[in-house]
Amino acid sequence: MMPEMPADPLETFRERCLVTVEAEEAILPTTIDFFGGRAVAWSSDLPHFDCEDYGRPDALVASEGLTDEQKFRLLHANAVDFFDLEVPGRAREAAE
């Protein structure tokens, strides 16, 4: 018999893992919703020799299907929170 789990596995995943997505992914809005917008960050294949022009943040920034808050979290805040980074005040203000 399996012992009782002290916490919900999905909550544990959300607290300890970061899912990365590219701007072109069709499931991006669903992924953001599923993880409550907090455990998801933008990723890219750039730069490497065989990369097309995909993966740039332009498409994400221009996306009308995401709110400004979702874009901010994907491109900045979720990674800062996950890696517990200290961002200098001026950089944080510019990002916000």
C-alpha atoms as a PDB file:
ATOM      1  CA  MET A   1       0.000   0.000   0.000  1.00  0.00           C
ATOM      2  CA  MET A   2       1.275   3.452  -0.879  1.00  0.00           C
ATOM      3  CA  PRO A   3       1.727   5.838   2.055  1.00  0.00           C
ATOM      4  CA  GLU A   4      -0.436   8.936   2.166  1.00  0.00           C
ATOM      5  CA  MET A   5       1.091  11.850   0.316  1.00  0.00           C
ATOM      6  CA  PRO A   6       1.739  14.925   2.457  1.00  0.00           C
ATOM      7  CA  ALA A   7       0.850  17.291  -0.407  1.00  0.00           C
ATOM      8  CA  ASP A   8      -1.034  17.300  -3.681  1.00  0.00           C
ATOM      9  CA  PRO A   9       1.357  16.168  -6.466  1.00  0.00           C
ATOM     10  CA  LEU A  10       0.208  18.929  -8.814  1.00  0.00           C
ATOM     11  CA  GLU A  11       0.825  21.581  -6.163  1.00  0.00           C
ATOM     12  CA  THR A  12       4.266  20.112  -5.466  1.00  0.00           C
ATOM     13  CA  PHE A  13       5.027  20.241  -9.202  1.00  0.00           C
ATOM     14  CA  ARG A  14       3.854  23.853  -9.436  1.00  0.00           C
ATOM     15  CA  GLU A  15       6.099  24.839  -6.526  1.00  0.00           C
ATOM     16  CA  ARG A  16       9.225  22.954  -7.641  1.00  0.00           C
ATOM     17  CA  CYS A  17       9.125  22.868 -11.440  1.00  0.00           C
ATOM     18  CA  LEU A  18       9.084  25.346 -14.268  1.00  0.00           C
ATOM     19  CA  VAL A  19       7.464  24.429 -17.589  1.00  0.00           C
ATOM     20  CA  THR A  20       8.934  26.210 -20.591  1.00  0.00           C
ATOM     21  CA  VAL A  21       7.063  27.023 -23.780  1.00  0.00           C
ATOM     22  CA  GLU A  22       7.765  28.746 -27.060  1.00  0.00           C
ATOM     23  CA  ALA A  23       5.583  31.569 -28.351  1.00  0.00           C
ATOM     24  CA  GLU A  24       4.218  29.562 -31.293  1.00  0.00           C
ATOM     25  CA  GLU A  25       2.855  26.689 -29.223  1.00  0.00           C
ATOM     26  CA  ALA A  26      -0.866  26.213 -29.777  1.00  0.00           C
ATOM     27  CA  ILE A  27      -1.391  25.017 -26.200  1.00  0.00           C
ATOM     28  CA  LEU A  28       0.253  28.093 -24.646  1.00  0.00           C
ATOM     29  CA  PRO A  29      -2.958  29.668 -23.215  1.00  0.00           C
ATOM     30  CA  THR A  30      -4.123  26.290 -21.886  1.00  0.00           C
ATOM     31  CA  THR A  31      -0.732  25.641 -20.282  1.00  0.00           C
ATOM     32  CA  ILE A  32      -0.755  29.048 -18.602  1.00  0.00           C
ATOM     33  CA  ASP A  33      -4.260  28.454 -17.270  1.00  0.00           C
ATOM     34  CA  PHE A  34      -3.462  24.932 -16.069  1.00  0.00           C
ATOM     35  CA  PHE A  35      -0.487  26.113 -14.034  1.00  0.00           C
ATOM     36  CA  GLY A  36      -2.155  29.281 -12.795  1.00  0.00           C
ATOM     37  CA  GLY A  37       0.267  31.435 -14.776  1.00  0.00           C
ATOM     38  CA  ARG A  38       3.082  30.884 -12.278  1.00  0.00           C
ATOM     39  CA  ALA A  39       5.001  27.749 -13.300  1.00  0.00           C
ATOM     40  CA  VAL A  40       5.418  28.619 -16.980  1.00  0.00           C
ATOM     41  CA  ALA A  41       8.242  30.561 -18.663  1.00  0.00           C
ATOM     42  CA  TRP A  42       9.256  31.412 -22.213  1.00  0.00           C
ATOM     43  CA  SER A  43      11.990  29.372 -23.823  1.00  0.00           C
ATOM     44  CA  SER A  44      13.742  29.532 -27.138  1.00  0.00           C
ATOM     45  CA  ASP A  45      15.967  27.524 -29.443  1.00  0.00           C
ATOM     46  CA  LEU A  46      17.924  30.675 -30.257  1.00  0.00           C
ATOM     47  CA  PRO A  47      20.716  30.955 -31.010  1.00  0.00           C
ATOM     48  CA  HIS A  48      22.028  27.964 -32.872  1.00  0.00           C
ATOM     49  CA  PHE A  49      23.018  27.360 -36.464  1.00  0.00           C
ATOM     50  CA  ASP A  50      19.929  25.526 -37.708  1.00  0.00           C
ATOM     51  CA  CYS A  51      17.323  27.628 -35.947  1.00  0.00           C
ATOM     52  CA  GLU A  52      14.793  29.356 -38.123  1.00  0.00           C
ATOM     53  CA  ASP A  53      13.431  32.674 -36.961  1.00  0.00           C
ATOM     54  CA  TYR A  54      11.096  30.854 -34.582  1.00  0.00           C
ATOM     55  CA  GLY A  55      11.300  31.216 -30.859  1.00  0.00           C
ATOM     56  CA  ARG A  56      11.825  34.959 -30.746  1.00  0.00           C
ATOM     57  CA  PRO A  57       9.759  36.766 -28.125  1.00  0.00           C
ATOM     58  CA  ASP A  58       8.244  39.128 -30.725  1.00  0.00           C
ATOM     59  CA  ALA A  59       5.294  36.806 -31.359  1.00  0.00           C
ATOM     60  CA  LEU A  60       4.665  36.463 -27.649  1.00  0.00           C
ATOM     61  CA  VAL A  61       4.828  40.209 -27.040  1.00  0.00           C
ATOM     62  CA  ALA A  62       2.492  40.877 -29.976  1.00  0.00           C
ATOM     63  CA  SER A  63       0.033  38.138 -29.007  1.00  0.00           C
ATOM     64  CA  GLU A  64      -3.482  39.422 -28.498  1.00  0.00           C
ATOM     65  CA  GLY A  65      -4.454  36.140 -26.840  1.00  0.00           C
ATOM     66  CA  LEU A  66      -2.414  36.887 -23.706  1.00  0.00           C
ATOM     67  CA  THR A  67      -2.828  39.633 -21.137  1.00  0.00           C
ATOM     68  CA  ASP A  68       0.006  42.013 -20.281  1.00  0.00           C
ATOM     69  CA  GLU A  69       0.314  40.267 -16.914  1.00  0.00           C
ATOM     70  CA  GLN A  70       0.667  36.847 -18.585  1.00  0.00           C
ATOM     71  CA  LYS A  71       3.342  38.199 -20.925  1.00  0.00           C
ATOM     72  CA  PHE A  72       5.215  39.788 -18.015  1.00  0.00           C
ATOM     73  CA  ARG A  73       5.122  36.552 -16.038  1.00  0.00           C
ATOM     74  CA  LEU A  74       6.195  34.414 -19.024  1.00  0.00           C
ATOM     75  CA  LEU A  75       9.045  36.680 -20.096  1.00  0.00           C
ATOM     76  CA  HIS A  76      10.319  37.811 -16.720  1.00  0.00           C
ATOM     77  CA  ALA A  77       8.649  37.290 -13.376  1.00  0.00           C
ATOM     78  CA  ASN A  78       8.195  33.502 -13.360  1.00  0.00           C
ATOM     79  CA  ALA A  79      11.889  32.863 -14.033  1.00  0.00           C
ATOM     80  CA  VAL A  80      12.908  35.483 -11.461  1.00  0.00           C
ATOM     81  CA  ASP A  81      10.628  33.881  -8.868  1.00  0.00           C
ATOM     82  CA  PHE A  82      11.581  30.287  -9.704  1.00  0.00           C
ATOM     83  CA  PHE A  83      15.333  30.887  -9.562  1.00  0.00           C
ATOM     84  CA  ASP A  84      14.966  33.299  -6.642  1.00  0.00           C
ATOM     85  CA  LEU A  85      16.913  35.960  -8.507  1.00  0.00           C
ATOM     86  CA  GLU A  86      17.658  39.369  -7.133  1.00  0.00           C
ATOM     87  CA  VAL A  87      16.863  41.904  -9.825  1.00  0.00           C
ATOM     88  CA  PRO A  88      18.270  45.414  -9.370  1.00  0.00           C
ATOM     89  CA  GLY A  89      15.580  48.019  -8.757  1.00  0.00           C
ATOM     90  CA  ARG A  90      16.027  49.828 -12.075  1.00  0.00           C
ATOM     91  CA  ALA A  91      15.803  46.594 -14.062  1.00  0.00           C
ATOM     92  CA  ARG A  92      12.736  45.470 -12.126  1.00  0.00           C
ATOM     93  CA  GLU A  93      11.007  48.825 -12.700  1.00  0.00           C
ATOM     94  CA  ALA A  94      11.809  48.675 -16.438  1.00  0.00           C
ATOM     95  CA  ALA A  95      10.372  45.151 -16.667  1.00  0.00           C
ATOM     96  CA  GLU A  96       7.179  46.138 -14.911  1.00  0.00           C
END
